[in-house]
Amino acid sequence: MSDFLPQSVVNVQRFRPNIVVNTNEDENNWIGRQIVIGEYRGRVTEKTKRCRMTMIAQPDLPEAPEILRTIVRSRQRCLGVYADVGSDGVISIGDSISVE
Protein backbone atom coordinates (compact mmCIF):
# COMPACT_ATOMS: atom_id res chain seq x y z
CA MET A 1 0.00 0.00 0.00
CA SER A 2 2.90 2.36 0.64
CA ASP A 3 3.85 2.13 -3.05
CA PHE A 4 0.32 3.24 -4.01
CA LEU A 5 0.20 6.00 -1.38
CA PRO A 6 3.69 7.42 -0.79
CA GLN A 7 2.22 10.62 0.72
CA SER A 8 0.13 8.75 3.34
CA VAL A 9 0.88 7.08 6.66
CA VAL A 10 0.22 3.43 5.82
CA ASN A 11 0.81 1.58 9.06
CA VAL A 12 0.07 -2.13 9.47
CA GLN A 13 -1.85 -1.33 12.69
CA ARG A 14 -4.70 0.06 10.57
CA PHE A 15 -5.46 -3.44 9.30
CA ARG A 16 -5.32 -5.28 12.65
CA PRO A 17 -3.60 -8.40 11.34
CA ASN A 18 -2.82 -11.48 13.39
CA ILE A 19 0.26 -12.20 11.29
CA VAL A 20 2.29 -9.91 9.02
CA VAL A 21 4.24 -11.52 6.20
CA ASN A 22 6.89 -9.61 4.28
CA THR A 23 6.61 -10.81 0.69
CA ASN A 24 6.54 -9.50 -2.86
CA GLU A 25 3.90 -12.08 -3.78
CA ASP A 26 0.21 -11.25 -4.12
CA GLU A 27 -1.44 -13.06 -1.22
CA ASN A 28 -4.62 -13.40 -3.28
CA ASN A 29 -2.81 -16.11 -5.25
CA TRP A 30 -2.65 -18.19 -2.07
CA ILE A 31 -6.40 -18.85 -1.88
CA GLY A 32 -7.02 -22.61 -1.57
CA ARG A 33 -3.35 -23.39 -0.95
CA GLN A 34 -1.54 -24.72 2.12
CA ILE A 35 0.55 -22.23 4.07
CA VAL A 36 3.33 -23.12 6.51
CA ILE A 37 4.84 -20.60 8.93
CA GLY A 38 7.11 -21.97 11.64
CA GLU A 39 5.22 -24.93 13.15
CA TYR A 40 1.83 -23.66 11.91
CA ARG A 41 0.14 -25.27 8.93
CA GLY A 42 -3.19 -24.21 7.46
CA ARG A 43 -5.14 -23.47 4.31
CA VAL A 44 -5.72 -19.97 2.96
CA THR A 45 -9.48 -19.70 2.59
CA GLU A 46 -10.47 -16.24 1.37
CA LYS A 47 -9.51 -12.62 0.76
CA THR A 48 -10.00 -10.09 3.56
CA LYS A 49 -12.51 -7.42 2.56
CA ARG A 50 -11.72 -4.07 4.12
CA CYS A 51 -14.17 -1.60 5.64
CA ARG A 52 -14.11 2.02 6.74
CA MET A 53 -12.15 1.15 9.91
CA THR A 54 -8.95 1.25 7.84
CA MET A 55 -9.32 4.99 7.32
CA ILE A 56 -10.43 6.09 10.80
CA ALA A 57 -7.94 7.89 13.02
CA GLN A 58 -6.32 5.66 15.62
CA PRO A 59 -3.83 6.37 18.40
CA ASP A 60 -0.74 7.81 16.67
CA LEU A 61 -2.38 7.50 13.21
CA PRO A 62 -4.32 10.28 11.48
CA GLU A 63 -7.58 9.81 9.59
CA ALA A 64 -6.73 8.62 6.07
CA PRO A 65 -9.70 8.11 3.72
CA GLU A 66 -7.36 7.70 0.74
CA ILE A 67 -6.27 4.31 2.11
CA LEU A 68 -9.69 2.70 1.74
CA ARG A 69 -10.25 4.42 -1.62
CA THR A 70 -6.99 2.95 -2.88
CA ILE A 71 -7.83 -0.54 -1.60
CA VAL A 72 -11.20 -0.34 -3.36
CA ARG A 73 -9.68 0.87 -6.66
CA SER A 74 -6.54 -1.22 -6.83
CA ARG A 75 -7.45 -4.40 -4.91
CA GLN A 76 -11.23 -4.82 -5.27
CA ARG A 77 -11.65 -3.84 -1.57
CA CYS A 78 -9.45 -6.73 -0.37
CA LEU A 79 -6.12 -6.61 1.43
CA GLY A 80 -4.83 -9.68 3.24
CA VAL A 81 -6.21 -13.20 3.52
CA TYR A 82 -7.83 -15.51 6.05
CA ALA A 83 -6.54 -19.00 6.79
CA ASP A 84 -7.90 -22.00 8.67
CA VAL A 85 -5.81 -23.67 11.34
CA GLY A 86 -4.79 -27.09 10.09
CA SER A 87 -2.36 -27.76 12.93
CA ASP A 88 -1.43 -25.86 16.06
CA GLY A 89 2.10 -24.60 16.24
CA VAL A 90 4.38 -21.86 17.38
CA ILE A 91 5.08 -18.96 15.03
CA SER A 92 8.06 -16.73 15.79
CA ILE A 93 9.31 -13.46 14.33
CA GLY A 94 11.62 -14.30 11.46
CA ASP A 95 10.08 -17.69 10.63
CA SER A 96 10.06 -18.55 6.97
CA ILE A 97 6.82 -18.97 5.08
CA SER A 98 6.02 -21.42 2.34
CA VAL A 99 2.91 -21.71 0.24
CA GLU A 100 2.24 -25.15 -1.24
PDB file of N, CA and C in Angstrom:
ATOM      1  N   MET A   1       0.817  -1.189   0.000  1.00  0.00           N
ATOM      2  CA  MET A   1       0.000   0.000   0.000  1.00  0.00           C
ATOM      3  C   MET A   1       0.863   1.257   0.000  1.00  0.00           C
ATOM      4  N   SER A   2       2.027   1.185   0.616  1.00  0.00           N
ATOM      5  CA  SER A   2       2.905   2.355   0.642  1.00  0.00           C
ATOM      6  C   SER A   2       3.329   2.768  -0.758  1.00  0.00           C
ATOM      7  N   ASP A   3       3.493   1.800  -1.669  1.00  0.00           N
ATOM      8  CA  ASP A   3       3.848   2.130  -3.046  1.00  0.00           C
ATOM      9  C   ASP A   3       2.722   2.903  -3.737  1.00  0.00           C
ATOM     10  N   PHE A   4       1.470   2.560  -3.427  1.00  0.00           N
ATOM     11  CA  PHE A   4       0.321   3.239  -4.011  1.00  0.00           C
ATOM     12  C   PHE A   4       0.097   4.618  -3.396  1.00  0.00           C
ATOM     13  N   LEU A   5       0.487   4.773  -2.127  1.00  0.00           N
ATOM     14  CA  LEU A   5       0.202   6.003  -1.380  1.00  0.00           C
ATOM     15  C   LEU A   5       1.446   6.548  -0.681  1.00  0.00           C
ATOM     16  N   PRO A   6       2.447   6.967  -1.431  1.00  0.00           N
ATOM     17  CA  PRO A   6       3.690   7.417  -0.787  1.00  0.00           C
ATOM     18  C   PRO A   6       3.509   8.638   0.119  1.00  0.00           C
ATOM     19  N   GLN A   7       2.458   9.430  -0.087  1.00  0.00           N
ATOM     20  CA  GLN A   7       2.224  10.621   0.721  1.00  0.00           C
ATOM     21  C   GLN A   7       1.442  10.336   2.005  1.00  0.00           C
ATOM     22  N   SER A   8       0.978   9.101   2.192  1.00  0.00           N
ATOM     23  CA  SER A   8       0.133   8.752   3.338  1.00  0.00           C
ATOM     24  C   SER A   8       0.885   7.927   4.377  1.00  0.00           C
ATOM     25  N   VAL A   9       0.349   7.934   5.596  1.00  0.00           N
ATOM     26  CA  VAL A   9       0.876   7.081   6.658  1.00  0.00           C
ATOM     27  C   VAL A   9       0.151   5.743   6.554  1.00  0.00           C
ATOM     28  N   VAL A  10       0.811   4.767   5.952  1.00  0.00           N
ATOM     29  CA  VAL A  10       0.224   3.428   5.819  1.00  0.00           C
ATOM     30  C   VAL A  10       0.919   2.549   6.851  1.00  0.00           C
ATOM     31  N   ASN A  11       0.247   2.349   7.955  1.00  0.00           N
ATOM     32  CA  ASN A  11       0.807   1.580   9.060  1.00  0.00           C
ATOM     33  C   ASN A  11       0.013   0.286   9.190  1.00  0.00           C
ATOM     34  N   VAL A  12       0.706  -0.821   9.386  1.00  0.00           N
ATOM     35  CA  VAL A  12       0.069  -2.131   9.474  1.00  0.00           C
ATOM     36  C   VAL A  12      -0.990  -2.179  10.578  1.00  0.00           C
ATOM     37  N   GLN A  13      -0.869  -1.349  11.598  1.00  0.00           N
ATOM     38  CA  GLN A  13      -1.845  -1.326  12.689  1.00  0.00           C
ATOM     39  C   GLN A  13      -3.256  -1.017  12.194  1.00  0.00           C
ATOM     40  N   ARG A  14      -3.371  -0.271  11.110  1.00  0.00           N
ATOM     41  CA  ARG A  14      -4.699   0.061  10.569  1.00  0.00           C
ATOM     42  C   ARG A  14      -5.498  -1.180  10.189  1.00  0.00           C
ATOM     43  N   PHE A  15      -4.805  -2.253   9.852  1.00  0.00           N
ATOM     44  CA  PHE A  15      -5.459  -3.437   9.297  1.00  0.00           C
ATOM     45  C   PHE A  15      -5.656  -4.552  10.325  1.00  0.00           C
ATOM     46  N   ARG A  16      -5.139  -4.356  11.524  1.00  0.00           N
ATOM     47  CA  ARG A  16      -5.320  -5.282  12.649  1.00  0.00           C
ATOM     48  C   ARG A  16      -5.045  -6.747  12.304  1.00  0.00           C
ATOM     49  N   PRO A  17      -3.895  -7.019  11.725  1.00  0.00           N
ATOM     50  CA  PRO A  17      -3.599  -8.404  11.335  1.00  0.00           C
ATOM     51  C   PRO A  17      -3.162  -9.257  12.521  1.00  0.00           C
ATOM     52  N   ASN A  18      -3.362 -10.542  12.401  1.00  0.00           N
ATOM     53  CA  ASN A  18      -2.817 -11.478  13.386  1.00  0.00           C
ATOM     54  C   ASN A  18      -1.371 -11.802  13.050  1.00  0.00           C
ATOM     55  N   ILE A  19      -1.085 -11.876  11.766  1.00  0.00           N
ATOM     56  CA  ILE A  19       0.264 -12.199  11.291  1.00  0.00           C
ATOM     57  C   ILE A  19       0.594 -11.266  10.140  1.00  0.00           C
ATOM     58  N   VAL A  20       1.816 -10.742  10.120  1.00  0.00           N
ATOM     59  CA  VAL A  20       2.288  -9.910   9.020  1.00  0.00           C
ATOM     60  C   VAL A  20       3.405 -10.668   8.322  1.00  0.00           C
ATOM     61  N   VAL A  21       3.255 -10.805   7.013  1.00  0.00           N
ATOM     62  CA  VAL A  21       4.243 -11.520   6.201  1.00  0.00           C
ATOM     63  C   VAL A  21       4.875 -10.534   5.231  1.00  0.00           C
ATOM     64  N   ASN A  22       6.177 -10.475   5.206  1.00  0.00           N
ATOM     65  CA  ASN A  22       6.893  -9.610   4.285  1.00  0.00           C
ATOM     66  C   ASN A  22       7.168 -10.403   3.009  1.00  0.00           C
ATOM     67  N   THR A  23       6.459 -10.072   1.943  1.00  0.00           N
ATOM     68  CA  THR A  23       6.608 -10.805   0.690  1.00  0.00           C
ATOM     69  C   THR A  23       6.322  -9.888  -0.486  1.00  0.00           C
ATOM     70  N   ASN A  24       6.856 -10.220  -1.627  1.00  0.00           N
ATOM     71  CA  ASN A  24       6.540  -9.497  -2.859  1.00  0.00           C
ATOM     72  C   ASN A  24       5.427 -10.195  -3.627  1.00  0.00           C
ATOM     73  N   GLU A  25       4.972 -11.331  -3.128  1.00  0.00           N
ATOM     74  CA  GLU A  25       3.903 -12.084  -3.777  1.00  0.00           C
ATOM     75  C   GLU A  25       2.552 -11.455  -3.477  1.00  0.00           C
ATOM     76  N   ASP A  26       1.593 -11.680  -4.354  1.00  0.00           N
ATOM     77  CA  ASP A  26       0.215 -11.253  -4.115  1.00  0.00           C
ATOM     78  C   ASP A  26      -0.473 -12.357  -3.320  1.00  0.00           C
ATOM     79  N   GLU A  27      -0.835 -12.048  -2.090  1.00  0.00           N
ATOM     80  CA  GLU A  27      -1.445 -13.055  -1.216  1.00  0.00           C
ATOM     81  C   GLU A  27      -2.757 -13.602  -1.769  1.00  0.00           C
ATOM     82  N   ASN A  28      -3.393 -12.891  -2.680  1.00  0.00           N
ATOM     83  CA  ASN A  28      -4.622 -13.400  -3.281  1.00  0.00           C
ATOM     84  C   ASN A  28      -4.379 -14.678  -4.081  1.00  0.00           C
ATOM     85  N   ASN A  29      -3.159 -14.886  -4.527  1.00  0.00           N
ATOM     86  CA  ASN A  29      -2.808 -16.113  -5.251  1.00  0.00           C
ATOM     87  C   ASN A  29      -2.681 -17.318  -4.323  1.00  0.00           C
ATOM     88  N   TRP A  30      -2.780 -17.098  -3.033  1.00  0.00           N
ATOM     89  CA  TRP A  30      -2.650 -18.191  -2.067  1.00  0.00           C
ATOM     90  C   TRP A  30      -3.981 -18.853  -1.733  1.00  0.00           C
ATOM     91  N   ILE A  31      -5.085 -18.301  -2.203  1.00  0.00           N
ATOM     92  CA  ILE A  31      -6.401 -18.848  -1.881  1.00  0.00           C
ATOM     93  C   ILE A  31      -6.472 -20.324  -2.285  1.00  0.00           C
ATOM     94  N   GLY A  32      -6.893 -21.174  -1.328  1.00  0.00           N
ATOM     95  CA  GLY A  32      -7.018 -22.606  -1.573  1.00  0.00           C
ATOM     96  C   GLY A  32      -5.734 -23.393  -1.392  1.00  0.00           C
ATOM     97  N   ARG A  33      -4.642 -22.711  -1.097  1.00  0.00           N
ATOM     98  CA  ARG A  33      -3.350 -23.392  -0.952  1.00  0.00           C
ATOM     99  C   ARG A  33      -2.966 -23.542   0.512  1.00  0.00           C
ATOM    100  N   GLN A  34      -2.086 -24.507   0.774  1.00  0.00           N
ATOM    101  CA  GLN A  34      -1.541 -24.718   2.119  1.00  0.00           C
ATOM    102  C   GLN A  34      -0.493 -23.657   2.397  1.00  0.00           C
ATOM    103  N   ILE A  35      -0.454 -23.192   3.642  1.00  0.00           N
ATOM    104  CA  ILE A  35       0.549 -22.229   4.065  1.00  0.00           C
ATOM    105  C   ILE A  35       1.242 -22.787   5.312  1.00  0.00           C
ATOM    106  N   VAL A  36       2.549 -22.640   5.367  1.00  0.00           N
ATOM    107  CA  VAL A  36       3.326 -23.118   6.506  1.00  0.00           C
ATOM    108  C   VAL A  36       4.188 -21.952   6.993  1.00  0.00           C
ATOM    109  N   ILE A  37       4.025 -21.630   8.284  1.00  0.00           N
ATOM    110  CA  ILE A  37       4.836 -20.599   8.935  1.00  0.00           C
ATOM    111  C   ILE A  37       5.304 -21.182  10.251  1.00  0.00           C
ATOM    112  N   GLY A  38       6.597 -21.330  10.419  1.00  0.00           N
ATOM    113  CA  GLY A  38       7.106 -21.968  11.638  1.00  0.00           C
ATOM    114  C   GLY A  38       6.494 -23.352  11.773  1.00  0.00           C
ATOM    115  N   GLU A  39       5.865 -23.635  12.925  1.00  0.00           N
ATOM    116  CA  GLU A  39       5.216 -24.931  13.155  1.00  0.00           C
ATOM    117  C   GLU A  39       3.757 -24.944  12.686  1.00  0.00           C
ATOM    118  N   TYR A  40       3.234 -23.770  12.336  1.00  0.00           N
ATOM    119  CA  TYR A  40       1.830 -23.660  11.909  1.00  0.00           C
ATOM    120  C   TYR A  40       1.654 -24.156  10.478  1.00  0.00           C
ATOM    121  N   ARG A  41       0.533 -24.827  10.262  1.00  0.00           N
ATOM    122  CA  ARG A  41       0.144 -25.272   8.927  1.00  0.00           C
ATOM    123  C   ARG A  41      -1.353 -25.046   8.795  1.00  0.00           C
ATOM    124  N   GLY A  42      -1.772 -24.457   7.683  1.00  0.00           N
ATOM    125  CA  GLY A  42      -3.187 -24.206   7.458  1.00  0.00           C
ATOM    126  C   GLY A  42      -3.473 -23.984   5.990  1.00  0.00           C
ATOM    127  N   ARG A  43      -4.718 -23.710   5.695  1.00  0.00           N
ATOM    128  CA  ARG A  43      -5.136 -23.468   4.310  1.00  0.00           C
ATOM    129  C   ARG A  43      -5.691 -22.050   4.209  1.00  0.00           C
ATOM    130  N   VAL A  44      -5.225 -21.312   3.208  1.00  0.00           N
ATOM    131  CA  VAL A  44      -5.722 -19.965   2.961  1.00  0.00           C
ATOM    132  C   VAL A  44      -7.109 -20.104   2.350  1.00  0.00           C
ATOM    133  N   THR A  45      -8.094 -19.458   2.969  1.00  0.00           N
ATOM    134  CA  THR A  45      -9.484 -19.697   2.592  1.00  0.00           C
ATOM    135  C   THR A  45     -10.137 -18.584   1.783  1.00  0.00           C
ATOM    136  N   GLU A  46      -9.782 -17.328   2.073  1.00  0.00           N
ATOM    137  CA  GLU A  46     -10.466 -16.238   1.368  1.00  0.00           C
ATOM    138  C   GLU A  46      -9.716 -14.923   1.540  1.00  0.00           C
ATOM    139  N   LYS A  47     -10.050 -13.969   0.672  1.00  0.00           N
ATOM    140  CA  LYS A  47      -9.513 -12.619   0.763  1.00  0.00           C
ATOM    141  C   LYS A  47     -10.159 -11.900   1.944  1.00  0.00           C
ATOM    142  N   THR A  48      -9.468 -10.907   2.467  1.00  0.00           N
ATOM    143  CA  THR A  48      -9.996 -10.092   3.556  1.00  0.00           C
ATOM    144  C   THR A  48     -10.554  -8.800   2.974  1.00  0.00           C
ATOM    145  N   LYS A  49     -11.880  -8.658   3.016  1.00  0.00           N
ATOM    146  CA  LYS A  49     -12.513  -7.420   2.563  1.00  0.00           C
ATOM    147  C   LYS A  49     -12.307  -6.357   3.632  1.00  0.00           C
ATOM    148  N   ARG A  50     -11.993  -5.166   3.197  1.00  0.00           N
ATOM    149  CA  ARG A  50     -11.717  -4.069   4.124  1.00  0.00           C
ATOM    150  C   ARG A  50     -12.887  -3.099   4.206  1.00  0.00           C
ATOM    151  N   CYS A  51     -13.067  -2.524   5.382  1.00  0.00           N
ATOM    152  CA  CYS A  51     -14.168  -1.598   5.635  1.00  0.00           C
ATOM    153  C   CYS A  51     -13.609  -0.235   6.029  1.00  0.00           C
ATOM    154  N   ARG A  52     -14.491   0.650   6.416  1.00  0.00           N
ATOM    155  CA  ARG A  52     -14.106   2.020   6.738  1.00  0.00           C
ATOM    156  C   ARG A  52     -13.171   2.135   7.947  1.00  0.00           C
ATOM    157  N   MET A  53     -13.051   1.093   8.748  1.00  0.00           N
ATOM    158  CA  MET A  53     -12.153   1.146   9.909  1.00  0.00           C
ATOM    159  C   MET A  53     -10.708   1.415   9.497  1.00  0.00           C
ATOM    160  N   THR A  54     -10.338   1.040   8.286  1.00  0.00           N
ATOM    161  CA  THR A  54      -8.954   1.250   7.842  1.00  0.00           C
ATOM    162  C   THR A  54      -8.607   2.718   7.690  1.00  0.00           C
ATOM    163  N   MET A  55      -9.600   3.575   7.553  1.00  0.00           N
ATOM    164  CA  MET A  55      -9.319   4.991   7.324  1.00  0.00           C
ATOM    165  C   MET A  55      -9.527   5.863   8.556  1.00  0.00           C
ATOM    166  N   ILE A  56     -10.129   5.321   9.598  1.00  0.00           N
ATOM    167  CA  ILE A  56     -10.432   6.092  10.799  1.00  0.00           C
ATOM    168  C   ILE A  56      -9.155   6.363  11.596  1.00  0.00           C
ATOM    169  N   ALA A  57      -9.092   7.547  12.192  1.00  0.00           N
ATOM    170  CA  ALA A  57      -7.942   7.893  13.025  1.00  0.00           C
ATOM    171  C   ALA A  57      -7.833   6.915  14.189  1.00  0.00           C
ATOM    172  N   GLN A  58      -6.610   6.563  14.510  1.00  0.00           N
ATOM    173  CA  GLN A  58      -6.317   5.661  15.622  1.00  0.00           C
ATOM    174  C   GLN A  58      -5.197   6.299  16.434  1.00  0.00           C
ATOM    175  N   PRO A  59      -4.934   5.793  17.635  1.00  0.00           N
ATOM    176  CA  PRO A  59      -3.826   6.372  18.398  1.00  0.00           C
ATOM    177  C   PRO A  59      -2.549   6.403  17.550  1.00  0.00           C
ATOM    178  N   ASP A  60      -1.975   7.578  17.425  1.00  0.00           N
ATOM    179  CA  ASP A  60      -0.744   7.809  16.667  1.00  0.00           C
ATOM    180  C   ASP A  60      -0.909   7.715  15.152  1.00  0.00           C
ATOM    181  N   LEU A  61      -2.148   7.556  14.650  1.00  0.00           N
ATOM    182  CA  LEU A  61      -2.377   7.500  13.207  1.00  0.00           C
ATOM    183  C   LEU A  61      -3.505   8.467  12.842  1.00  0.00           C
ATOM    184  N   PRO A  62      -3.275   9.341  11.870  1.00  0.00           N
ATOM    185  CA  PRO A  62      -4.323  10.280  11.480  1.00  0.00           C
ATOM    186  C   PRO A  62      -5.407   9.613  10.642  1.00  0.00           C
ATOM    187  N   GLU A  63      -6.550  10.288  10.516  1.00  0.00           N
ATOM    188  CA  GLU A  63      -7.585   9.812   9.593  1.00  0.00           C
ATOM    189  C   GLU A  63      -6.989   9.794   8.184  1.00  0.00           C
ATOM    190  N   ALA A  64      -7.320   8.770   7.397  1.00  0.00           N
ATOM    191  CA  ALA A  64      -6.726   8.619   6.069  1.00  0.00           C
ATOM    192  C   ALA A  64      -7.705   7.953   5.098  1.00  0.00           C
ATOM    193  N   PRO A  65      -8.708   8.699   4.626  1.00  0.00           N
ATOM    194  CA  PRO A  65      -9.702   8.111   3.720  1.00  0.00           C
ATOM    195  C   PRO A  65      -9.117   7.605   2.414  1.00  0.00           C
ATOM    196  N   GLU A  66      -7.978   8.144   1.999  1.00  0.00           N
ATOM    197  CA  GLU A  66      -7.358   7.702   0.744  1.00  0.00           C
ATOM    198  C   GLU A  66      -6.902   6.245   0.804  1.00  0.00           C
ATOM    199  N   ILE A  67      -6.691   5.700   1.991  1.00  0.00           N
ATOM    200  CA  ILE A  67      -6.269   4.305   2.112  1.00  0.00           C
ATOM    201  C   ILE A  67      -7.384   3.371   1.654  1.00  0.00           C
ATOM    202  N   LEU A  68      -8.587   3.563   2.165  1.00  0.00           N
ATOM    203  CA  LEU A  68      -9.690   2.702   1.740  1.00  0.00           C
ATOM    204  C   LEU A  68     -10.008   2.911   0.259  1.00  0.00           C
ATOM    205  N   ARG A  69      -9.993   4.164  -0.198  1.00  0.00           N
ATOM    206  CA  ARG A  69     -10.251   4.419  -1.624  1.00  0.00           C
ATOM    207  C   ARG A  69      -9.264   3.657  -2.504  1.00  0.00           C
ATOM    208  N   THR A  70      -8.019   3.641  -2.100  1.00  0.00           N
ATOM    209  CA  THR A  70      -6.990   2.949  -2.879  1.00  0.00           C
ATOM    210  C   THR A  70      -7.197   1.438  -2.842  1.00  0.00           C
ATOM    211  N   ILE A  71      -7.555   0.893  -1.695  1.00  0.00           N
ATOM    212  CA  ILE A  71      -7.831  -0.544  -1.601  1.00  0.00           C
ATOM    213  C   ILE A  71      -9.006  -0.911  -2.495  1.00  0.00           C
ATOM    214  N   VAL A  72     -10.028  -0.087  -2.510  1.00  0.00           N
ATOM    215  CA  VAL A  72     -11.198  -0.344  -3.362  1.00  0.00           C
ATOM    216  C   VAL A  72     -10.801  -0.313  -4.834  1.00  0.00           C
ATOM    217  N   ARG A  73     -10.059   0.712  -5.240  1.00  0.00           N
ATOM    218  CA  ARG A  73      -9.685   0.869  -6.655  1.00  0.00           C
ATOM    219  C   ARG A  73      -8.668  -0.152  -7.135  1.00  0.00           C
ATOM    220  N   SER A  74      -7.656  -0.403  -6.339  1.00  0.00           N
ATOM    221  CA  SER A  74      -6.541  -1.220  -6.827  1.00  0.00           C
ATOM    222  C   SER A  74      -6.617  -2.691  -6.422  1.00  0.00           C
ATOM    223  N   ARG A  75      -7.447  -3.023  -5.405  1.00  0.00           N
ATOM    224  CA  ARG A  75      -7.450  -4.398  -4.907  1.00  0.00           C
ATOM    225  C   ARG A  75      -8.863  -4.940  -4.693  1.00  0.00           C
ATOM    226  N   GLN A  76      -9.827  -4.379  -5.367  1.00  0.00           N
ATOM    227  CA  GLN A  76     -11.225  -4.820  -5.268  1.00  0.00           C
ATOM    228  C   GLN A  76     -11.700  -4.928  -3.818  1.00  0.00           C
ATOM    229  N   ARG A  77     -11.275  -3.966  -2.994  1.00  0.00           N
ATOM    230  CA  ARG A  77     -11.652  -3.842  -1.574  1.00  0.00           C
ATOM    231  C   ARG A  77     -11.018  -4.900  -0.667  1.00  0.00           C
ATOM    232  N   CYS A  78     -10.060  -5.664  -1.170  1.00  0.00           N
ATOM    233  CA  CYS A  78      -9.447  -6.731  -0.372  1.00  0.00           C
ATOM    234  C   CYS A  78      -7.968  -6.453  -0.142  1.00  0.00           C
ATOM    235  N   LEU A  79      -7.528  -6.697   1.083  1.00  0.00           N
ATOM    236  CA  LEU A  79      -6.118  -6.607   1.427  1.00  0.00           C
ATOM    237  C   LEU A  79      -5.868  -7.601   2.552  1.00  0.00           C
ATOM    238  N   GLY A  80      -5.079  -8.619   2.277  1.00  0.00           N
ATOM    239  CA  GLY A  80      -4.834  -9.681   3.244  1.00  0.00           C
ATOM    240  C   GLY A  80      -5.694 -10.895   2.941  1.00  0.00           C
ATOM    241  N   VAL A  81      -5.455 -11.961   3.691  1.00  0.00           N
ATOM    242  CA  VAL A  81      -6.215 -13.201   3.516  1.00  0.00           C
ATOM    243  C   VAL A  81      -6.510 -13.825   4.870  1.00  0.00           C
ATOM    244  N   TYR A  82      -7.508 -14.699   4.880  1.00  0.00           N
ATOM    245  CA  TYR A  82      -7.829 -15.514   6.050  1.00  0.00           C
ATOM    246  C   TYR A  82      -7.324 -16.924   5.806  1.00  0.00           C
ATOM    247  N   ALA A  83      -6.971 -17.608   6.889  1.00  0.00           N
ATOM    248  CA  ALA A  83      -6.537 -19.001   6.787  1.00  0.00           C
ATOM    249  C   ALA A  83      -7.127 -19.804   7.929  1.00  0.00           C
ATOM    250  N   ASP A  84      -7.452 -21.067   7.646  1.00  0.00           N
ATOM    251  CA  ASP A  84      -7.899 -21.998   8.673  1.00  0.00           C
ATOM    252  C   ASP A  84      -6.680 -22.573   9.382  1.00  0.00           C
ATOM    253  N   VAL A  85      -6.890 -23.011  10.600  1.00  0.00           N
ATOM    254  CA  VAL A  85      -5.812 -23.665  11.339  1.00  0.00           C
ATOM    255  C   VAL A  85      -5.878 -25.158  11.047  1.00  0.00           C
ATOM    256  N   GLY A  86      -4.859 -25.671  10.369  1.00  0.00           N
ATOM    257  CA  GLY A  86      -4.787 -27.094  10.087  1.00  0.00           C
ATOM    258  C   GLY A  86      -4.081 -27.834  11.208  1.00  0.00           C
ATOM    259  N   SER A  87      -3.068 -27.174  11.791  1.00  0.00           N
ATOM    260  CA  SER A  87      -2.357 -27.756  12.929  1.00  0.00           C
ATOM    261  C   SER A  87      -1.859 -26.628  13.821  1.00  0.00           C
ATOM    262  N   ASP A  88      -1.955 -26.843  15.114  1.00  0.00           N
ATOM    263  CA  ASP A  88      -1.429 -25.863  16.057  1.00  0.00           C
ATOM    264  C   ASP A  88       0.083 -25.823  15.924  1.00  0.00           C
ATOM    265  N   GLY A  89       0.648 -24.698  16.266  1.00  0.00           N
ATOM    266  CA  GLY A  89       2.096 -24.601  16.237  1.00  0.00           C
ATOM    267  C   GLY A  89       2.553 -23.206  16.585  1.00  0.00           C
ATOM    268  N   VAL A  90       3.772 -23.122  16.991  1.00  0.00           N
ATOM    269  CA  VAL A  90       4.376 -21.858  17.384  1.00  0.00           C
ATOM    270  C   VAL A  90       4.876 -21.131  16.141  1.00  0.00           C
ATOM    271  N   ILE A  91       4.567 -19.833  16.074  1.00  0.00           N
ATOM    272  CA  ILE A  91       5.084 -18.958  15.032  1.00  0.00           C
ATOM    273  C   ILE A  91       5.940 -17.919  15.728  1.00  0.00           C
ATOM    274  N   SER A  92       7.138 -17.697  15.197  1.00  0.00           N
ATOM    275  CA  SER A  92       8.056 -16.726  15.794  1.00  0.00           C
ATOM    276  C   SER A  92       8.459 -15.688  14.755  1.00  0.00           C
ATOM    277  N   ILE A  93       8.797 -14.502  15.224  1.00  0.00           N
ATOM    278  CA  ILE A  93       9.305 -13.464  14.331  1.00  0.00           C
ATOM    279  C   ILE A  93      10.513 -14.012  13.586  1.00  0.00           C
ATOM    280  N   GLY A  94      10.511 -13.846  12.288  1.00  0.00           N
ATOM    281  CA  GLY A  94      11.624 -14.304  11.464  1.00  0.00           C
ATOM    282  C   GLY A  94      11.430 -15.672  10.853  1.00  0.00           C
ATOM    283  N   ASP A  95      10.347 -16.382  11.239  1.00  0.00           N
ATOM    284  CA  ASP A  95      10.083 -17.690  10.630  1.00  0.00           C
ATOM    285  C   ASP A  95       9.872 -17.548   9.139  1.00  0.00           C
ATOM    286  N   SER A  96      10.301 -18.551   8.404  1.00  0.00           N
ATOM    287  CA  SER A  96      10.064 -18.546   6.971  1.00  0.00           C
ATOM    288  C   SER A  96       8.631 -18.960   6.693  1.00  0.00           C
ATOM    289  N   ILE A  97       8.157 -18.618   5.506  1.00  0.00           N
ATOM    290  CA  ILE A  97       6.818 -18.974   5.083  1.00  0.00           C
ATOM    291  C   ILE A  97       6.928 -19.727   3.772  1.00  0.00           C
ATOM    292  N   SER A  98       6.100 -20.748   3.638  1.00  0.00           N
ATOM    293  CA  SER A  98       6.015 -21.422   2.344  1.00  0.00           C
ATOM    294  C   SER A  98       4.547 -21.633   2.016  1.00  0.00           C
ATOM    295  N   VAL A  99       4.257 -21.526   0.740  1.00  0.00           N
ATOM    296  CA  VAL A  99       2.909 -21.714   0.238  1.00  0.00           C
ATOM    297  C   VAL A  99       2.967 -22.879  -0.718  1.00  0.00           C
ATOM    298  N   GLU A 100       2.169 -23.910  -0.451  1.00  0.00           N
ATOM    299  CA  GLU A 100       2.239 -25.152  -1.240  1.00  0.00           C
ATOM    300  C   GLU A 100       0.992 -25.341  -2.059  1.00  0.00           C
TER     301      GLU A 100
END
